[in-house]
Amino acid sequence: MRKLLSYITPKFISDSVQIYRDSGFKGLIKEKGWKFVFYFFMFYLIRDSIIYILIPYLIGKPIFNW
């Protein structure tokens, strides 16, 4: 399972997970900066918007004739 996750997880996230495990959130901010936190947030915001909003809308549109 871990090997599969290593292929799916983006490299910038897997590197940051190790930093977070070693030195916590403060260490992550010191090493990567607030810019990383912004990109991390935007990555998941866009991904989840596609998964939970756009795809169900596109599937439901022909069914309910919106």
Foldseek 3Di string as FASTA:
>chain_A
DVVVVVVVDDPVVVVLVVQCVVPNPVSSCVVPNVVVVVVVVVVVVVVCCCVPPVVVCVVCCVVVVD
